[in-house]
Amino acid sequence: MSTSQQTPFYHDLHVKYIQSLASKIDSPSSYEGAVTKHLRMSGIYWSLTALSLLVSPEEVDSLMNFTSLPKLDSTQYPESETQSTEPKSTKKSTTILDFVFECYDEISGGFGGNKHQDGHMLYTLSAIQILALADCLSDPRF
């Protein structure tokens, strides 16, 4: 195929699609979120990696709330042991990096695919890759 016949690359549509997946999975009533919650750590890694190829690190942080902005609301985890009675808007939210550390399993020394799950080699790899993307391998929580 010659250069003039190449299919155009729709950069903005790719970025928008990755963002839409995140909001779909984050929704407490989402079917996609329910059936993939055990895969969350790997999904976050692949989303961040794809975005890292498309936009600058600052834009990744802005789009996915990677390191500095609220991202994952604790109300999205119905299996949480403590149910707060605070209004949703005042509950503490976490960044993706905070979520990664919340998935750490002290018994196995690895990371689970989601909070309250056993550590597993695959999700430990994804967690370490996420920390490396954020340049946080020296984070004191690690």
N, C-alpha and C. Protein backbone atom coordinates (compact mmCIF):
# COMPACT_ATOMS: atom_id res chain seq x y z
N MET A 1 0.86 -1.18 0.00
CA MET A 1 0.00 0.00 0.00
C MET A 1 0.90 1.23 0.00
N SER A 2 0.66 2.12 -0.91
CA SER A 2 1.47 3.33 -0.98
C SER A 2 1.04 4.32 0.10
N THR A 3 1.88 5.27 0.36
CA THR A 3 1.62 6.27 1.39
C THR A 3 0.32 7.02 1.14
N SER A 4 0.01 7.30 -0.10
CA SER A 4 -1.20 8.06 -0.40
C SER A 4 -2.48 7.25 -0.18
N GLN A 5 -2.36 5.93 -0.07
CA GLN A 5 -3.53 5.08 0.11
C GLN A 5 -3.73 4.63 1.56
N GLN A 6 -2.91 5.06 2.47
CA GLN A 6 -3.01 4.62 3.86
C GLN A 6 -4.28 5.16 4.50
N THR A 7 -4.86 4.33 5.32
CA THR A 7 -6.04 4.73 6.07
C THR A 7 -5.63 5.79 7.10
N PRO A 8 -6.41 6.83 7.29
CA PRO A 8 -6.04 7.87 8.27
C PRO A 8 -6.11 7.32 9.70
N PHE A 9 -5.28 7.88 10.53
CA PHE A 9 -5.27 7.51 11.96
C PHE A 9 -6.07 8.55 12.72
N TYR A 10 -7.11 8.12 13.40
CA TYR A 10 -8.01 9.03 14.11
C TYR A 10 -7.57 9.14 15.57
N HIS A 11 -6.54 9.92 15.79
CA HIS A 11 -5.94 10.10 17.11
C HIS A 11 -6.97 10.44 18.18
N ASP A 12 -7.75 11.47 17.96
CA ASP A 12 -8.71 11.93 18.96
C ASP A 12 -9.76 10.88 19.28
N LEU A 13 -10.18 10.12 18.29
CA LEU A 13 -11.16 9.05 18.53
C LEU A 13 -10.56 7.93 19.38
N HIS A 14 -9.29 7.62 19.19
CA HIS A 14 -8.63 6.61 20.01
C HIS A 14 -8.59 7.06 21.47
N VAL A 15 -8.18 8.29 21.68
CA VAL A 15 -8.10 8.83 23.04
C VAL A 15 -9.48 8.84 23.69
N LYS A 16 -10.48 9.29 22.95
CA LYS A 16 -11.85 9.34 23.47
C LYS A 16 -12.36 7.94 23.82
N TYR A 17 -12.05 6.95 23.00
CA TYR A 17 -12.48 5.58 23.26
C TYR A 17 -11.87 5.04 24.55
N ILE A 18 -10.58 5.28 24.76
CA ILE A 18 -9.93 4.81 25.99
C ILE A 18 -10.56 5.48 27.20
N GLN A 19 -10.83 6.77 27.10
CA GLN A 19 -11.50 7.48 28.19
C GLN A 19 -12.89 6.91 28.44
N SER A 20 -13.62 6.60 27.39
CA SER A 20 -14.98 6.10 27.56
C SER A 20 -14.98 4.73 28.23
N LEU A 21 -13.96 3.91 27.96
CA LEU A 21 -13.86 2.62 28.64
C LEU A 21 -13.70 2.81 30.14
N ALA A 22 -12.86 3.75 30.51
CA ALA A 22 -12.63 4.01 31.94
C ALA A 22 -13.91 4.44 32.63
N SER A 23 -14.66 5.34 32.02
CA SER A 23 -15.89 5.81 32.68
C SER A 23 -16.95 4.72 32.69
N LYS A 24 -16.98 3.88 31.66
CA LYS A 24 -17.94 2.79 31.62
C LYS A 24 -17.66 1.78 32.73
N ILE A 25 -16.40 1.43 32.90
CA ILE A 25 -16.01 0.45 33.90
C ILE A 25 -16.15 1.01 35.31
N ASP A 26 -15.95 2.32 35.48
CA ASP A 26 -16.07 2.95 36.80
C ASP A 26 -17.51 3.05 37.29
N SER A 27 -18.46 2.97 36.39
CA SER A 27 -19.87 3.12 36.77
C SER A 27 -20.32 1.94 37.63
N PRO A 28 -20.89 2.21 38.82
CA PRO A 28 -21.32 1.12 39.70
C PRO A 28 -22.40 0.21 39.09
N SER A 29 -23.14 0.70 38.12
CA SER A 29 -24.19 -0.10 37.51
C SER A 29 -23.77 -0.71 36.17
N SER A 30 -22.49 -0.62 35.86
CA SER A 30 -21.98 -1.07 34.57
C SER A 30 -21.82 -2.59 34.52
N TYR A 31 -22.37 -3.19 33.49
CA TYR A 31 -22.17 -4.62 33.26
C TYR A 31 -20.69 -4.90 33.00
N GLU A 32 -20.07 -4.05 32.18
CA GLU A 32 -18.66 -4.23 31.86
C GLU A 32 -17.80 -4.19 33.12
N GLY A 33 -18.12 -3.25 34.01
CA GLY A 33 -17.37 -3.14 35.26
C GLY A 33 -17.54 -4.36 36.14
N ALA A 34 -18.75 -4.91 36.18
CA ALA A 34 -19.02 -6.07 37.02
C ALA A 34 -18.28 -7.31 36.53
N VAL A 35 -18.26 -7.53 35.23
CA VAL A 35 -17.65 -8.76 34.72
C VAL A 35 -16.14 -8.66 34.54
N THR A 36 -15.59 -7.47 34.68
CA THR A 36 -14.14 -7.32 34.52
C THR A 36 -13.45 -6.79 35.77
N LYS A 37 -14.15 -6.73 36.90
CA LYS A 37 -13.53 -6.12 38.08
C LYS A 37 -12.28 -6.88 38.53
N HIS A 38 -12.22 -8.17 38.28
CA HIS A 38 -11.02 -8.93 38.66
C HIS A 38 -9.83 -8.64 37.74
N LEU A 39 -10.08 -7.99 36.62
CA LEU A 39 -9.04 -7.65 35.64
C LEU A 39 -8.61 -6.19 35.70
N ARG A 40 -9.10 -5.47 36.69
CA ARG A 40 -8.94 -4.01 36.71
C ARG A 40 -7.49 -3.56 36.64
N MET A 41 -6.60 -4.22 37.39
CA MET A 41 -5.19 -3.79 37.40
C MET A 41 -4.60 -3.86 36.00
N SER A 42 -4.81 -4.96 35.30
CA SER A 42 -4.28 -5.10 33.95
C SER A 42 -4.95 -4.12 32.99
N GLY A 43 -6.24 -3.89 33.16
CA GLY A 43 -6.94 -2.92 32.32
C GLY A 43 -6.40 -1.52 32.48
N ILE A 44 -6.09 -1.16 33.71
CA ILE A 44 -5.50 0.16 33.95
C ILE A 44 -4.14 0.25 33.27
N TYR A 45 -3.34 -0.80 33.41
CA TYR A 45 -2.02 -0.79 32.77
C TYR A 45 -2.15 -0.61 31.25
N TRP A 46 -3.01 -1.40 30.62
CA TRP A 46 -3.13 -1.31 29.16
C TRP A 46 -3.70 0.03 28.71
N SER A 47 -4.62 0.59 29.48
CA SER A 47 -5.17 1.91 29.14
C SER A 47 -4.09 2.98 29.24
N LEU A 48 -3.33 2.95 30.32
CA LEU A 48 -2.26 3.94 30.50
C LEU A 48 -1.18 3.79 29.43
N THR A 49 -0.84 2.56 29.09
CA THR A 49 0.17 2.33 28.07
C THR A 49 -0.30 2.85 26.71
N ALA A 50 -1.55 2.54 26.36
CA ALA A 50 -2.08 3.02 25.08
C ALA A 50 -2.09 4.54 25.04
N LEU A 51 -2.54 5.17 26.12
CA LEU A 51 -2.55 6.64 26.15
C LEU A 51 -1.13 7.21 26.10
N SER A 52 -0.19 6.53 26.73
CA SER A 52 1.20 7.00 26.73
C SER A 52 1.79 7.03 25.34
N LEU A 53 1.28 6.18 24.46
CA LEU A 53 1.74 6.19 23.07
C LEU A 53 1.09 7.31 22.26
N LEU A 54 -0.06 7.79 22.74
CA LEU A 54 -0.83 8.78 21.98
C LEU A 54 -0.63 10.22 22.44
N VAL A 55 -0.36 10.41 23.73
CA VAL A 55 -0.30 11.78 24.28
C VAL A 55 0.88 11.90 25.24
N SER A 56 1.16 13.12 25.66
CA SER A 56 2.26 13.39 26.59
C SER A 56 1.93 12.86 27.99
N PRO A 57 2.95 12.66 28.84
CA PRO A 57 2.70 12.21 30.21
C PRO A 57 1.75 13.14 30.98
N GLU A 58 1.86 14.44 30.75
CA GLU A 58 0.97 15.38 31.43
C GLU A 58 -0.47 15.18 31.00
N GLU A 59 -0.67 14.90 29.72
CA GLU A 59 -2.02 14.66 29.21
C GLU A 59 -2.58 13.33 29.74
N VAL A 60 -1.72 12.33 29.89
CA VAL A 60 -2.17 11.06 30.48
C VAL A 60 -2.69 11.31 31.88
N ASP A 61 -1.93 12.08 32.66
CA ASP A 61 -2.35 12.39 34.02
C ASP A 61 -3.67 13.14 34.02
N SER A 62 -3.81 14.08 33.12
CA SER A 62 -5.03 14.88 33.04
C SER A 62 -6.23 14.03 32.60
N LEU A 63 -6.03 13.18 31.61
CA LEU A 63 -7.13 12.38 31.07
C LEU A 63 -7.55 11.24 31.99
N MET A 64 -6.57 10.60 32.62
CA MET A 64 -6.86 9.41 33.43
C MET A 64 -6.72 9.66 34.93
N ASN A 65 -6.36 10.89 35.31
CA ASN A 65 -6.17 11.19 36.73
C ASN A 65 -5.18 10.19 37.34
N PHE A 66 -4.08 10.04 36.66
CA PHE A 66 -3.10 9.02 36.96
C PHE A 66 -2.44 9.19 38.32
N THR A 67 -1.84 10.35 38.55
CA THR A 67 -1.08 10.53 39.78
C THR A 67 -1.57 11.64 40.68
N SER A 68 -2.27 12.64 40.12
CA SER A 68 -2.51 13.83 40.93
C SER A 68 -3.97 14.20 41.16
N LEU A 69 -4.87 13.62 40.44
CA LEU A 69 -6.26 14.03 40.57
C LEU A 69 -7.15 12.88 41.06
N PRO A 70 -8.28 13.18 41.69
CA PRO A 70 -9.17 12.10 42.12
C PRO A 70 -9.61 11.26 40.93
N LYS A 71 -9.66 9.93 41.12
CA LYS A 71 -10.08 9.05 40.03
C LYS A 71 -11.08 8.01 40.50
N LEU A 72 -10.70 7.17 41.40
CA LEU A 72 -11.54 6.04 41.78
C LEU A 72 -12.25 6.35 43.09
N ASP A 73 -13.54 6.47 43.06
CA ASP A 73 -14.33 6.77 44.24
C ASP A 73 -14.56 5.50 45.04
N SER A 74 -14.37 5.57 46.36
CA SER A 74 -14.51 4.38 47.19
C SER A 74 -15.93 3.81 47.16
N THR A 75 -16.91 4.59 46.73
CA THR A 75 -18.28 4.06 46.65
C THR A 75 -18.45 3.09 45.49
N GLN A 76 -17.46 2.98 44.63
CA GLN A 76 -17.56 2.09 43.48
C GLN A 76 -17.24 0.65 43.84
N TYR A 77 -16.94 0.40 45.09
CA TYR A 77 -16.58 -0.94 45.52
C TYR A 77 -17.57 -1.42 46.56
N PRO A 78 -18.68 -2.01 46.13
CA PRO A 78 -19.70 -2.45 47.07
C PRO A 78 -19.20 -3.52 48.03
N GLU A 79 -18.11 -4.22 47.69
CA GLU A 79 -17.59 -5.24 48.58
C GLU A 79 -16.78 -4.63 49.72
N SER A 80 -16.66 -3.31 49.73
CA SER A 80 -15.91 -2.63 50.77
C SER A 80 -16.45 -3.00 52.15
N GLU A 81 -15.55 -3.20 53.08
CA GLU A 81 -15.95 -3.63 54.41
C GLU A 81 -16.69 -2.54 55.18
N THR A 82 -16.37 -1.30 54.91
CA THR A 82 -17.01 -0.21 55.63
C THR A 82 -17.88 0.60 54.68
N GLN A 83 -19.11 0.76 55.02
CA GLN A 83 -20.01 1.57 54.21
C GLN A 83 -20.21 2.90 54.93
N SER A 84 -19.74 3.96 54.33
CA SER A 84 -19.83 5.28 54.92
C SER A 84 -21.22 5.87 54.67
N THR A 85 -21.64 6.72 55.60
CA THR A 85 -22.92 7.39 55.42
C THR A 85 -22.74 8.81 54.92
N GLU A 86 -21.48 9.18 54.61
CA GLU A 86 -21.23 10.52 54.08
C GLU A 86 -21.84 10.66 52.69
N PRO A 87 -22.25 11.87 52.33
CA PRO A 87 -22.70 12.07 50.95
C PRO A 87 -21.58 11.74 49.98
N LYS A 88 -21.92 11.25 48.81
CA LYS A 88 -20.93 10.81 47.83
C LYS A 88 -19.91 11.90 47.51
N SER A 89 -20.33 13.14 47.44
CA SER A 89 -19.43 14.21 47.04
C SER A 89 -18.33 14.49 48.07
N THR A 90 -18.50 14.07 49.33
CA THR A 90 -17.48 14.34 50.33
C THR A 90 -16.61 13.13 50.63
N LYS A 91 -16.88 12.00 50.02
CA LYS A 91 -16.07 10.82 50.27
C LYS A 91 -14.70 10.99 49.65
N LYS A 92 -13.70 10.38 50.28
CA LYS A 92 -12.34 10.47 49.78
C LYS A 92 -12.20 9.66 48.50
N SER A 93 -11.65 10.27 47.48
CA SER A 93 -11.34 9.58 46.24
C SER A 93 -9.84 9.34 46.19
N THR A 94 -9.42 8.44 45.32
CA THR A 94 -8.01 8.13 45.22
C THR A 94 -7.55 8.25 43.77
N THR A 95 -6.25 8.40 43.61
CA THR A 95 -5.68 8.39 42.27
C THR A 95 -5.48 6.94 41.86
N ILE A 96 -5.12 6.75 40.61
CA ILE A 96 -4.84 5.40 40.14
C ILE A 96 -3.70 4.79 40.94
N LEU A 97 -2.67 5.58 41.26
CA LEU A 97 -1.55 5.04 42.03
C LEU A 97 -1.99 4.62 43.42
N ASP A 98 -2.87 5.40 44.05
CA ASP A 98 -3.39 5.00 45.35
C ASP A 98 -4.14 3.67 45.23
N PHE A 99 -4.92 3.54 44.16
CA PHE A 99 -5.65 2.29 43.92
C PHE A 99 -4.68 1.11 43.80
N VAL A 100 -3.59 1.31 43.08
CA VAL A 100 -2.60 0.23 42.92
C VAL A 100 -2.11 -0.24 44.29
N PHE A 101 -1.78 0.69 45.16
CA PHE A 101 -1.28 0.31 46.49
C PHE A 101 -2.37 -0.32 47.36
N GLU A 102 -3.62 0.05 47.12
CA GLU A 102 -4.73 -0.57 47.85
C GLU A 102 -4.93 -2.03 47.44
N CYS A 103 -4.39 -2.42 46.31
CA CYS A 103 -4.50 -3.80 45.83
C CYS A 103 -3.37 -4.69 46.33
N TYR A 104 -2.46 -4.13 47.11
CA TYR A 104 -1.34 -4.92 47.63
C TYR A 104 -1.85 -5.95 48.63
N ASP A 105 -1.40 -7.18 48.47
CA ASP A 105 -1.78 -8.29 49.35
C ASP A 105 -0.59 -8.62 50.25
N GLU A 106 -0.70 -8.28 51.52
CA GLU A 106 0.39 -8.48 52.46
C GLU A 106 0.74 -9.95 52.65
N ILE A 107 -0.24 -10.82 52.51
CA ILE A 107 0.01 -12.25 52.72
C ILE A 107 0.93 -12.82 51.63
N SER A 108 0.62 -12.52 50.39
CA SER A 108 1.42 -13.07 49.28
C SER A 108 2.59 -12.18 48.90
N GLY A 109 2.52 -10.90 49.26
CA GLY A 109 3.56 -9.96 48.87
C GLY A 109 3.40 -9.47 47.44
N GLY A 110 2.24 -9.76 46.83
CA GLY A 110 1.97 -9.33 45.46
C GLY A 110 0.76 -8.42 45.41
N PHE A 111 0.33 -8.12 44.21
CA PHE A 111 -0.83 -7.26 44.00
C PHE A 111 -1.96 -8.09 43.40
N GLY A 112 -3.17 -7.79 43.84
CA GLY A 112 -4.35 -8.43 43.27
C GLY A 112 -4.86 -7.64 42.08
N GLY A 113 -5.81 -8.23 41.35
CA GLY A 113 -6.41 -7.58 40.20
C GLY A 113 -7.32 -6.43 40.59
N ASN A 114 -7.75 -6.41 41.85
CA ASN A 114 -8.62 -5.37 42.38
C ASN A 114 -8.48 -5.39 43.90
N LYS A 115 -9.09 -4.45 44.56
CA LYS A 115 -9.03 -4.41 46.02
C LYS A 115 -9.68 -5.67 46.59
N HIS A 116 -9.17 -6.14 47.72
CA HIS A 116 -9.70 -7.30 48.44
C HIS A 116 -9.55 -8.60 47.66
N GLN A 117 -8.57 -8.67 46.77
CA GLN A 117 -8.31 -9.90 46.03
C GLN A 117 -6.89 -10.38 46.33
N ASP A 118 -6.70 -11.68 46.22
CA ASP A 118 -5.38 -12.27 46.47
C ASP A 118 -4.37 -11.77 45.45
N GLY A 119 -3.12 -11.69 45.89
CA GLY A 119 -2.05 -11.31 44.99
C GLY A 119 -1.85 -12.36 43.91
N HIS A 120 -1.44 -11.92 42.75
CA HIS A 120 -1.23 -12.82 41.61
C HIS A 120 -0.08 -12.27 40.79
N MET A 121 0.68 -13.16 40.18
CA MET A 121 1.86 -12.74 39.42
C MET A 121 1.50 -11.78 38.28
N LEU A 122 0.41 -12.05 37.57
CA LEU A 122 0.02 -11.20 36.45
C LEU A 122 -0.29 -9.78 36.92
N TYR A 123 -1.07 -9.65 37.98
CA TYR A 123 -1.46 -8.32 38.46
C TYR A 123 -0.30 -7.63 39.17
N THR A 124 0.61 -8.41 39.75
CA THR A 124 1.81 -7.82 40.33
C THR A 124 2.66 -7.20 39.22
N LEU A 125 2.79 -7.90 38.11
CA LEU A 125 3.51 -7.35 36.97
C LEU A 125 2.85 -6.07 36.48
N SER A 126 1.52 -6.08 36.33
CA SER A 126 0.81 -4.88 35.88
C SER A 126 1.01 -3.73 36.86
N ALA A 127 0.95 -4.02 38.17
CA ALA A 127 1.12 -2.98 39.18
C ALA A 127 2.51 -2.37 39.10
N ILE A 128 3.53 -3.21 38.95
CA ILE A 128 4.90 -2.71 38.85
C ILE A 128 5.07 -1.89 37.57
N GLN A 129 4.46 -2.32 36.49
CA GLN A 129 4.54 -1.56 35.25
C GLN A 129 3.84 -0.20 35.39
N ILE A 130 2.72 -0.15 36.09
CA ILE A 130 2.02 1.12 36.34
C ILE A 130 2.91 2.05 37.17
N LEU A 131 3.53 1.49 38.21
CA LEU A 131 4.42 2.30 39.05
C LEU A 131 5.62 2.79 38.24
N ALA A 132 6.13 1.97 37.33
CA ALA A 132 7.25 2.39 36.49
C ALA A 132 6.82 3.50 35.53
N LEU A 133 5.62 3.39 34.96
CA LEU A 133 5.12 4.45 34.07
C LEU A 133 5.03 5.78 34.80
N ALA A 134 4.68 5.71 36.08
CA ALA A 134 4.55 6.93 36.89
C ALA A 134 5.85 7.35 37.54
N ASP A 135 6.92 6.59 37.29
CA ASP A 135 8.22 6.85 37.92
C ASP A 135 8.09 6.84 39.44
N CYS A 136 7.36 5.85 39.95
CA CYS A 136 7.09 5.75 41.39
C CYS A 136 7.61 4.45 41.99
N LEU A 137 8.63 3.85 41.39
CA LEU A 137 9.15 2.60 41.95
C LEU A 137 9.84 2.82 43.29
N SER A 138 10.17 4.07 43.61
CA SER A 138 10.78 4.36 44.91
C SER A 138 9.75 4.91 45.90
N ASP A 139 8.46 4.81 45.58
CA ASP A 139 7.40 5.26 46.48
C ASP A 139 7.54 4.51 47.82
N PRO A 140 7.47 5.20 48.93
CA PRO A 140 7.65 4.54 50.24
C PRO A 140 6.59 3.49 50.55
N ARG A 141 5.46 3.54 49.86
CA ARG A 141 4.42 2.52 50.08
C ARG A 141 4.79 1.20 49.44
N PHE A 142 5.80 1.21 48.55
CA PHE A 142 6.17 0.02 47.78
C PHE A 142 7.17 -0.80 48.54
